[in-house]
Structure formats: C-alpha cells, structure tokens
C-alpha atoms as a PDB file:
ATOM      1  CA  MET A   1     -86.024 101.056 -64.166  1.00  0.00           C
ATOM      2  CA  SER A   2     -86.910 104.544 -64.651  1.00  0.00           C
ATOM      3  CA  LEU A   3     -83.994 104.788 -67.550  1.00  0.00           C
ATOM      4  CA  GLU A   4     -82.787 103.208 -70.387  1.00  0.00           C
ATOM      5  CA  TYR A   5     -79.343 102.527 -70.292  1.00  0.00           C
ATOM      6  CA  LEU A   6     -76.253 100.989 -70.984  1.00  0.00           C
ATOM      7  CA  VAL A   7     -73.904  99.172 -68.699  1.00  0.00           C
ATOM      8  CA  ARG A   8     -70.268  98.223 -68.390  1.00  0.00           C
ATOM      9  CA  LYS A   9     -69.795  95.650 -65.526  1.00  0.00           C
ATOM     10  CA  PRO A  10     -66.546  95.891 -63.401  1.00  0.00           C
ATOM     11  CA  LYS A  11     -63.442  94.237 -65.013  1.00  0.00           C
ATOM     12  CA  LYS A  12     -62.183  93.775 -61.225  1.00  0.00           C
ATOM     13  CA  THR A  13     -65.067  92.235 -59.242  1.00  0.00           C
ATOM     14  CA  SER A  14     -65.573  93.363 -55.966  1.00  0.00           C
ATOM     15  CA  LYS A  15     -68.381  93.390 -53.272  1.00  0.00           C
ATOM     16  CA  ASN A  16     -69.791  97.258 -53.385  1.00  0.00           C
ATOM     17  CA  PRO A  17     -67.832  98.597 -56.624  1.00  0.00           C
ATOM     18  CA  PRO A  18     -67.759 102.027 -56.804  1.00  0.00           C
ATOM     19  CA  LEU A  19     -70.636 103.745 -59.799  1.00  0.00           C
ATOM     20  CA  LEU A  20     -70.160 106.010 -62.208  1.00  0.00           C
ATOM     21  CA  ILE A  21     -73.514 107.323 -64.111  1.00  0.00           C
ATOM     22  CA  LEU A  22     -73.332 109.246 -67.712  1.00  0.00           C
ATOM     23  CA  LEU A  23     -75.686 111.832 -68.490  1.00  0.00           C
ATOM     24  CA  HIS A  24     -75.599 112.615 -72.433  1.00  0.00           C
ATOM     25  CA  GLY A  25     -76.296 115.694 -73.830  1.00  0.00           C
ATOM     26  CA  TYR A  26     -79.331 117.446 -75.501  1.00  0.00           C
ATOM     27  CA  GLY A  27     -79.989 115.217 -78.850  1.00  0.00           C
ATOM     28  CA  SER A  28     -77.684 112.982 -77.833  1.00  0.00           C
ATOM     29  CA  ASN A  29     -78.445 109.008 -76.375  1.00  0.00           C
ATOM     30  CA  LYS A  30     -76.993 106.541 -73.865  1.00  0.00           C
ATOM     31  CA  GLU A  31     -74.641 105.679 -76.910  1.00  0.00           C
ATOM     32  CA  ASP A  32     -72.361 108.815 -76.997  1.00  0.00           C
ATOM     33  CA  LEU A  33     -70.438 109.105 -73.715  1.00  0.00           C
ATOM     34  CA  PHE A  34     -70.493 105.275 -72.948  1.00  0.00           C
ATOM     35  CA  SER A  35     -67.396 105.354 -75.761  1.00  0.00           C
ATOM     36  CA  PHE A  36     -65.656 106.629 -72.919  1.00  0.00           C
ATOM     37  CA  ALA A  37     -66.466 103.502 -70.537  1.00  0.00           C
ATOM     38  CA  ASP A  38     -63.264 101.009 -71.688  1.00  0.00           C
ATOM     39  CA  GLU A  39     -60.750 103.610 -71.271  1.00  0.00           C
ATOM     40  CA  LEU A  40     -62.363 104.562 -67.833  1.00  0.00           C
ATOM     41  CA  PRO A  41     -61.126 102.426 -64.209  1.00  0.00           C
ATOM     42  CA  ASP A  42     -61.290  99.043 -64.468  1.00  0.00           C
ATOM     43  CA  ASP A  43     -62.984  98.652 -60.957  1.00  0.00           C
ATOM     44  CA  PHE A  44     -66.305 100.920 -61.858  1.00  0.00           C
ATOM     45  CA  LEU A  45     -69.655  99.629 -62.967  1.00  0.00           C
ATOM     46  CA  ILE A  46     -70.570 102.408 -65.345  1.00  0.00           C
ATOM     47  CA  ILE A  47     -74.026 103.038 -66.383  1.00  0.00           C
ATOM     48  CA  SER A  48     -75.260 105.362 -69.129  1.00  0.00           C
ATOM     49  CA  ALA A  49     -78.258 106.763 -68.886  1.00  0.00           C
ATOM     50  CA  GLN A  50     -80.910 107.759 -71.838  1.00  0.00           C
ATOM     51  CA  ALA A  51     -83.109 110.741 -71.312  1.00  0.00           C
ATOM     52  CA  PRO A  52     -86.689 110.395 -71.306  1.00  0.00           C
ATOM     53  CA  HIS A  53     -87.900 112.632 -74.247  1.00  0.00           C
ATOM     54  CA  GLU A  54     -87.679 111.153 -77.831  1.00  0.00           C
ATOM     55  CA  MET A  55     -86.356 114.226 -80.345  1.00  0.00           C
ATOM     56  CA  GLY A  56     -86.528 111.798 -83.238  1.00  0.00           C
ATOM     57  CA  PHE A  57     -83.779 110.435 -85.401  1.00  0.00           C
ATOM     58  CA  GLY A  58     -82.105 108.768 -82.619  1.00  0.00           C
ATOM     59  CA  GLY A  59     -81.863 111.905 -80.500  1.00  0.00           C
ATOM     60  CA  TYR A  60     -82.775 111.816 -76.737  1.00  0.00           C
ATOM     61  CA  ALA A  61     -83.625 115.273 -74.537  1.00  0.00           C
ATOM     62  CA  TRP A  62     -83.478 115.588 -70.725  1.00  0.00           C
ATOM     63  CA  TYR A  63     -85.274 118.823 -71.346  1.00  0.00           C
ATOM     64  CA  ALA A  64     -86.760 120.795 -74.381  1.00  0.00           C
ATOM     65  CA  ILE A  65     -85.052 123.813 -75.256  1.00  0.00           C
ATOM     66  CA  ASN A  66     -87.700 126.157 -77.013  1.00  0.00           C
ATOM     67  CA  PHE A  67     -86.805 128.702 -79.360  1.00  0.00           C
ATOM     68  CA  ASN A  68     -88.537 131.823 -80.333  1.00  0.00           C
ATOM     69  CA  ALA A  69     -88.347 135.378 -81.613  1.00  0.00           C
ATOM     70  CA  MET A  70     -89.315 137.157 -78.472  1.00  0.00           C
ATOM     71  CA  ASN A  71     -87.468 135.473 -75.686  1.00  0.00           C
ATOM     72  CA  GLY A  72     -84.352 133.703 -78.212  1.00  0.00           C
ATOM     73  CA  LYS A  73     -83.438 130.332 -76.423  1.00  0.00           C
ATOM     74  CA  PHE A  74     -85.399 128.952 -73.459  1.00  0.00           C
ATOM     75  CA  SER A  75     -85.435 126.103 -71.269  1.00  0.00           C
ATOM     76  CA  ASP A  76     -88.978 123.923 -69.914  1.00  0.00           C
ATOM     77  CA  LEU A  77     -87.458 123.857 -66.249  1.00  0.00           C
ATOM     78  CA  LYS A  78     -90.527 122.465 -65.130  1.00  0.00           C
ATOM     79  CA  GLN A  79     -89.410 119.243 -67.279  1.00  0.00           C
ATOM     80  CA  ALA A  80     -85.923 119.799 -66.616  1.00  0.00           C
ATOM     81  CA  LYS A  81     -86.978 119.707 -62.745  1.00  0.00           C
ATOM     82  CA  GLU A  82     -88.719 116.164 -63.431  1.00  0.00           C
ATOM     83  CA  SER A  83     -85.579 114.906 -64.910  1.00  0.00           C
ATOM     84  CA  ILE A  84     -83.478 115.493 -62.037  1.00  0.00           C
ATOM     85  CA  ASP A  85     -86.107 113.765 -59.854  1.00  0.00           C
ATOM     86  CA  ILE A  86     -86.134 110.820 -62.314  1.00  0.00           C
ATOM     87  CA  ILE A  87     -82.400 110.683 -62.439  1.00  0.00           C
ATOM     88  CA  ALA A  88     -82.289 110.623 -58.422  1.00  0.00           C
ATOM     89  CA  LYS A  89     -84.255 107.740 -58.766  1.00  0.00           C
ATOM     90  CA  PHE A  90     -82.802 106.084 -60.925  1.00  0.00           C
ATOM     91  CA  ILE A  91     -79.557 106.363 -58.946  1.00  0.00           C
ATOM     92  CA  ASP A  92     -81.191 104.858 -56.487  1.00  0.00           C
ATOM     93  CA  GLU A  93     -82.830 101.968 -58.235  1.00  0.00           C
ATOM     94  CA  ILE A  94     -79.032 101.295 -59.656  1.00  0.00           C
ATOM     95  CA  GLN A  95     -77.220 101.423 -56.457  1.00  0.00           C
ATOM     96  CA  GLN A  96     -79.828  98.948 -55.077  1.00  0.00           C
ATOM     97  CA  LYS A  97     -79.309  96.605 -58.145  1.00  0.00           C
ATOM     98  CA  TYR A  98     -75.909  96.697 -58.078  1.00  0.00           C
ATOM     99  CA  GLN A  99     -74.937  97.133 -54.521  1.00  0.00           C
ATOM    100  CA  THR A 100     -72.469  99.704 -55.432  1.00  0.00           C
ATOM    101  CA  ASN A 101     -70.433 101.211 -52.445  1.00  0.00           C
ATOM    102  CA  PHE A 102     -72.934 104.274 -51.344  1.00  0.00           C
ATOM    103  CA  SER A 103     -69.695 106.747 -51.060  1.00  0.00           C
ATOM    104  CA  LYS A 104     -68.329 106.182 -54.534  1.00  0.00           C
ATOM    105  CA  THR A 105     -71.204 107.543 -56.791  1.00  0.00           C
ATOM    106  CA  PHE A 106     -70.225 109.502 -59.444  1.00  0.00           C
ATOM    107  CA  LEU A 107     -71.832 111.932 -61.670  1.00  0.00           C
ATOM    108  CA  LEU A 108     -70.589 112.680 -65.139  1.00  0.00           C
ATOM    109  CA  GLY A 109     -72.401 114.806 -67.338  1.00  0.00           C
ATOM    110  CA  PHE A 110     -72.570 116.828 -70.744  1.00  0.00           C
ATOM    111  CA  SER A 111     -73.410 119.914 -71.948  1.00  0.00           C
ATOM    112  CA  GLN A 112     -77.761 119.481 -70.467  1.00  0.00           C
ATOM    113  CA  GLY A 113     -76.558 116.746 -68.705  1.00  0.00           C
ATOM    114  CA  ALA A 114     -74.128 118.696 -66.844  1.00  0.00           C
ATOM    115  CA  ILE A 115     -76.205 121.044 -65.997  1.00  0.00           C
ATOM    116  CA  LEU A 116     -78.460 118.804 -64.316  1.00  0.00           C
ATOM    117  CA  SER A 117     -75.863 116.660 -62.860  1.00  0.00           C
ATOM    118  CA  TYR A 118     -75.302 120.020 -61.010  1.00  0.00           C
ATOM    119  CA  SER A 119     -78.690 121.011 -59.956  1.00  0.00           C
ATOM    120  CA  LEU A 120     -79.349 117.254 -58.389  1.00  0.00           C
ATOM    121  CA  SER A 121     -76.222 117.674 -56.100  1.00  0.00           C
ATOM    122  CA  PHE A 122     -78.195 120.495 -54.624  1.00  0.00           C
ATOM    123  CA  PHE A 123     -81.790 119.110 -54.680  1.00  0.00           C
ATOM    124  CA  TYR A 124     -80.491 115.791 -53.409  1.00  0.00           C
ATOM    125  CA  PRO A 125     -77.741 116.789 -51.003  1.00  0.00           C
ATOM    126  CA  ASN A 126     -75.122 114.103 -51.122  1.00  0.00           C
ATOM    127  CA  LYS A 127     -77.094 111.423 -53.274  1.00  0.00           C
ATOM    128  CA  VAL A 128     -73.733 111.856 -55.758  1.00  0.00           C
ATOM    129  CA  ASN A 129     -70.147 112.239 -53.645  1.00  0.00           C
ATOM    130  CA  TYR A 130     -68.411 113.105 -56.908  1.00  0.00           C
ATOM    131  CA  VAL A 131     -69.838 115.700 -60.116  1.00  0.00           C
ATOM    132  CA  ILE A 132     -67.985 115.658 -63.323  1.00  0.00           C
ATOM    133  CA  ALA A 133     -69.700 118.641 -65.099  1.00  0.00           C
ATOM    134  CA  LEU A 134     -68.142 118.724 -68.671  1.00  0.00           C
ATOM    135  CA  SER A 135     -69.748 121.672 -71.188  1.00  0.00           C
ATOM    136  CA  GLY A 136     -72.168 122.758 -68.685  1.00  0.00           C
ATOM    137  CA  TYR A 137     -72.863 125.455 -66.248  1.00  0.00           C
ATOM    138  CA  ILE A 138     -75.041 126.121 -63.119  1.00  0.00           C
ATOM    139  CA  ASN A 139     -78.448 127.222 -63.928  1.00  0.00           C
ATOM    140  CA  GLN A 140     -79.807 129.584 -61.119  1.00  0.00           C
ATOM    141  CA  GLU A 141     -83.339 128.708 -62.352  1.00  0.00           C
ATOM    142  CA  LEU A 142     -82.601 125.225 -61.300  1.00  0.00           C
ATOM    143  CA  LEU A 143     -81.815 125.389 -57.670  1.00  0.00           C
ATOM    144  CA  PRO A 144     -83.540 124.592 -54.362  1.00  0.00           C
ATOM    145  CA  LYS A 145     -84.384 128.116 -52.336  1.00  0.00           C
ATOM    146  CA  GLU A 146     -82.204 127.010 -49.814  1.00  0.00           C
ATOM    147  CA  ILE A 147     -79.100 124.866 -50.523  1.00  0.00           C
ATOM    148  CA  SER A 148     -78.106 122.724 -47.392  1.00  0.00           C
ATOM    149  CA  LYS A 149     -74.812 123.055 -45.619  1.00  0.00           C
ATOM    150  CA  GLU A 150     -74.340 119.448 -45.189  1.00  0.00           C
ATOM    151  CA  ILE A 151     -73.211 118.919 -49.240  1.00  0.00           C
ATOM    152  CA  LYS A 152     -70.031 117.732 -49.434  1.00  0.00           C
ATOM    153  CA  THR A 153     -69.816 117.300 -52.679  1.00  0.00           C
ATOM    154  CA  ALA A 154     -66.647 117.464 -55.036  1.00  0.00           C
ATOM    155  CA  TYR A 155     -67.119 118.985 -58.345  1.00  0.00           C
ATOM    156  CA  TYR A 156     -64.657 118.705 -61.164  1.00  0.00           C
ATOM    157  CA  CYS A 157     -65.565 121.253 -63.898  1.00  0.00           C
ATOM    158  CA  SER A 158     -64.099 122.152 -67.614  1.00  0.00           C
ATOM    159  CA  HIS A 159     -65.371 124.225 -70.342  1.00  0.00           C
ATOM    160  CA  GLY A 160     -64.289 124.952 -74.101  1.00  0.00           C
ATOM    161  CA  THR A 161     -63.286 128.824 -74.729  1.00  0.00           C
ATOM    162  CA  VAL A 162     -64.856 128.517 -78.268  1.00  0.00           C
ATOM    163  CA  ASP A 163     -68.240 127.102 -76.978  1.00  0.00           C
ATOM    164  CA  GLN A 164     -70.473 128.684 -79.363  1.00  0.00           C
ATOM    165  CA  VAL A 165     -73.259 126.542 -77.854  1.00  0.00           C
ATOM    166  CA  LEU A 166     -72.884 127.253 -74.174  1.00  0.00           C
ATOM    167  CA  PRO A 167     -70.596 130.290 -73.734  1.00  0.00           C
ATOM    168  CA  ILE A 168     -67.564 130.589 -71.598  1.00  0.00           C
ATOM    169  CA  ASP A 169     -68.974 132.999 -69.265  1.00  0.00           C
ATOM    170  CA  TRP A 170     -71.705 130.776 -67.971  1.00  0.00           C
ATOM    171  CA  ALA A 171     -69.094 128.185 -67.149  1.00  0.00           C
ATOM    172  CA  ARG A 172     -66.815 130.555 -65.489  1.00  0.00           C
ATOM    173  CA  LYS A 173     -69.238 131.276 -62.767  1.00  0.00           C
ATOM    174  CA  SER A 174     -69.460 127.843 -61.398  1.00  0.00           C
ATOM    175  CA  ARG A 175     -66.414 127.829 -59.872  1.00  0.00           C
ATOM    176  CA  PRO A 176     -66.759 130.972 -57.439  1.00  0.00           C
ATOM    177  CA  PHE A 177     -70.648 129.968 -56.757  1.00  0.00           C
ATOM    178  CA  LEU A 178     -69.124 126.472 -55.870  1.00  0.00           C
ATOM    179  CA  THR A 179     -66.238 128.095 -53.206  1.00  0.00           C
ATOM    180  CA  ASN A 180     -68.923 130.402 -51.785  1.00  0.00           C
ATOM    181  CA  LEU A 181     -70.595 127.293 -50.485  1.00  0.00           C
ATOM    182  CA  GLY A 182     -67.174 125.991 -48.910  1.00  0.00           C
ATOM    183  CA  LEU A 183     -67.470 122.711 -51.841  1.00  0.00           C
ATOM    184  CA  GLU A 184     -64.512 121.019 -53.147  1.00  0.00           C
ATOM    185  CA  ASN A 185     -64.364 121.976 -56.787  1.00  0.00           C
ATOM    186  CA  VAL A 186     -61.996 122.314 -60.029  1.00  0.00           C
ATOM    187  CA  TYR A 187     -62.555 123.846 -62.929  1.00  0.00           C
ATOM    188  CA  PHE A 188     -60.438 123.891 -66.409  1.00  0.00           C
ATOM    189  CA  GLU A 189     -60.566 124.997 -69.845  1.00  0.00           C
ATOM    190  CA  TYR A 190     -59.477 124.029 -72.958  1.00  0.00           C
ATOM    191  CA  PRO A 191     -59.381 125.650 -76.423  1.00  0.00           C
ATOM    192  CA  ILE A 192     -62.121 123.831 -77.918  1.00  0.00           C
ATOM    193  CA  GLY A 193     -66.113 124.359 -78.734  1.00  0.00           C
ATOM    194  CA  HIS A 194     -68.537 122.297 -77.514  1.00  0.00           C
ATOM    195  CA  GLY A 195     -66.652 118.857 -76.691  1.00  0.00           C
ATOM    196  CA  VAL A 196     -64.045 116.998 -74.964  1.00  0.00           C
ATOM    197  CA  ALA A 197     -60.432 117.427 -75.783  1.00  0.00           C
ATOM    198  CA  PRO A 198     -58.335 114.573 -75.048  1.00  0.00           C
ATOM    199  CA  GLN A 199     -56.549 116.563 -72.464  1.00  0.00           C
ATOM    200  CA  ASN A 200     -59.999 117.297 -70.932  1.00  0.00           C
ATOM    201  CA  PHE A 201     -60.042 113.285 -71.334  1.00  0.00           C
ATOM    202  CA  TYR A 202     -57.201 112.265 -69.297  1.00  0.00           C
ATOM    203  CA  SER A 203     -57.423 115.007 -66.753  1.00  0.00           C
ATOM    204  CA  PHE A 204     -60.581 114.483 -65.715  1.00  0.00           C
ATOM    205  CA  LYS A 205     -60.037 110.797 -65.261  1.00  0.00           C
ATOM    206  CA  SER A 206     -56.808 111.121 -63.060  1.00  0.00           C
ATOM    207  CA  TRP A 207     -59.234 113.723 -61.105  1.00  0.00           C
ATOM    208  CA  ILE A 208     -61.777 110.021 -61.063  1.00  0.00           C
ATOM    209  CA  GLU A 209     -59.029 107.958 -59.984  1.00  0.00           C
ATOM    210  CA  GLU A 210     -57.691 109.930 -57.330  1.00  0.00           C
ATOM    211  CA  ARG A 211     -61.183 110.051 -55.695  1.00  0.00           C
ATOM    212  CA  LEU A 212     -61.608 106.171 -56.243  1.00  0.00           C
END
C-alpha cells in the first residue's frame, strides 16, 4: 500500500461498503482523526491514512511548511502535489482491496489534510464523491491549470472564527470559489480556534448520513 493506515471495518456487512478516508493535519498522525471513527455511521469502511513525511515525535506531514525571515511561512508545493498523487493512488488501492462502493467515496481532511482534499478533487475529477474540509482552505497554487467541467463532487466546509493557524479569511473564499464552479457546497463557522467543536462534528456527521 502507498500509505500506512488504520482501518475500521463496517459494523454492518455489505458487499460494497461506502468508503470514508481520513487525512490528518500537519504534525499529527493516523491515530488523530481515527478517534472519530466509532461515532460515524456503521455502514462505512473507515480508513485513517498517515502522511508520508516523518517529522519526529510521532508527527507526520503531507508536505513541509518552511519558515524564513524573508518570506515568512511558505508551503513546499512540489511535496504537496506528490502527496496528492500518492493519496489518489492510495484511494484506488483501498477501493480495490476492500471492494468499496465507487459512488460513495468520502474524503475528510483536517487542516493540511483539508487543503489536499480540496486539491485532489480538482486534479482527479470525481475520484471522490464527497469532500469534508475541516479548518482548511483552497490553495490557489495547488490547482490544475484548467478545472474540469465534469466535476460532480459535493463539499462540506467548516472553520473556526478564531483560528490562529489558518486565517478565517482564507477559508471564507472557498464557498464563492465552489459556487462559481457550480459545485454543491455548504460552509459553516464555529467560535473556536484550529480544531473541531462538538457541534461541528454533529453537523458534518449529519451531512454525511444524508448522503449515504
């Protein structure tokens, strides 16, 4: 397999289960979002993937974020694009290994994982049917030159209004961007920092359940 991962098998047996893939944030690991798994619908095969770049102390990254006095903070876009390609390949491997339902593929990302979830949906049109982007934003530098008109993906986006890591203003651009492309999307804000509030969890959980 392209990536290390944890798996929660469906609690209800079905021939082709819906698939939910979880992508953690910068400096975290596959255990992080997996804590959600038991609270999510029983039908799902849930896969929590681990980013390929080890940072030490049990932390991993999808791509490096560099700091210097001249440019402040900047992302390694080459590494980010490589990770998008690896995740796309990993989705194929999981779908084949577990014989999941190709029309019910959900990708949930937090922070750096959310940024890549958005990007993957544009570089690989319709590879995922649903994107849940928590505390992330659409990075304009991580988009294909032309966006396919065939995309049918639906998006759930949410952000904390007092997020000190990724400014709320960045996240607020996602809804108009997606709406302009004619893509189904919802966007919610919560009075929290860089994290997932309980009401945020129940909100995206019901959004997912409506689409199963």
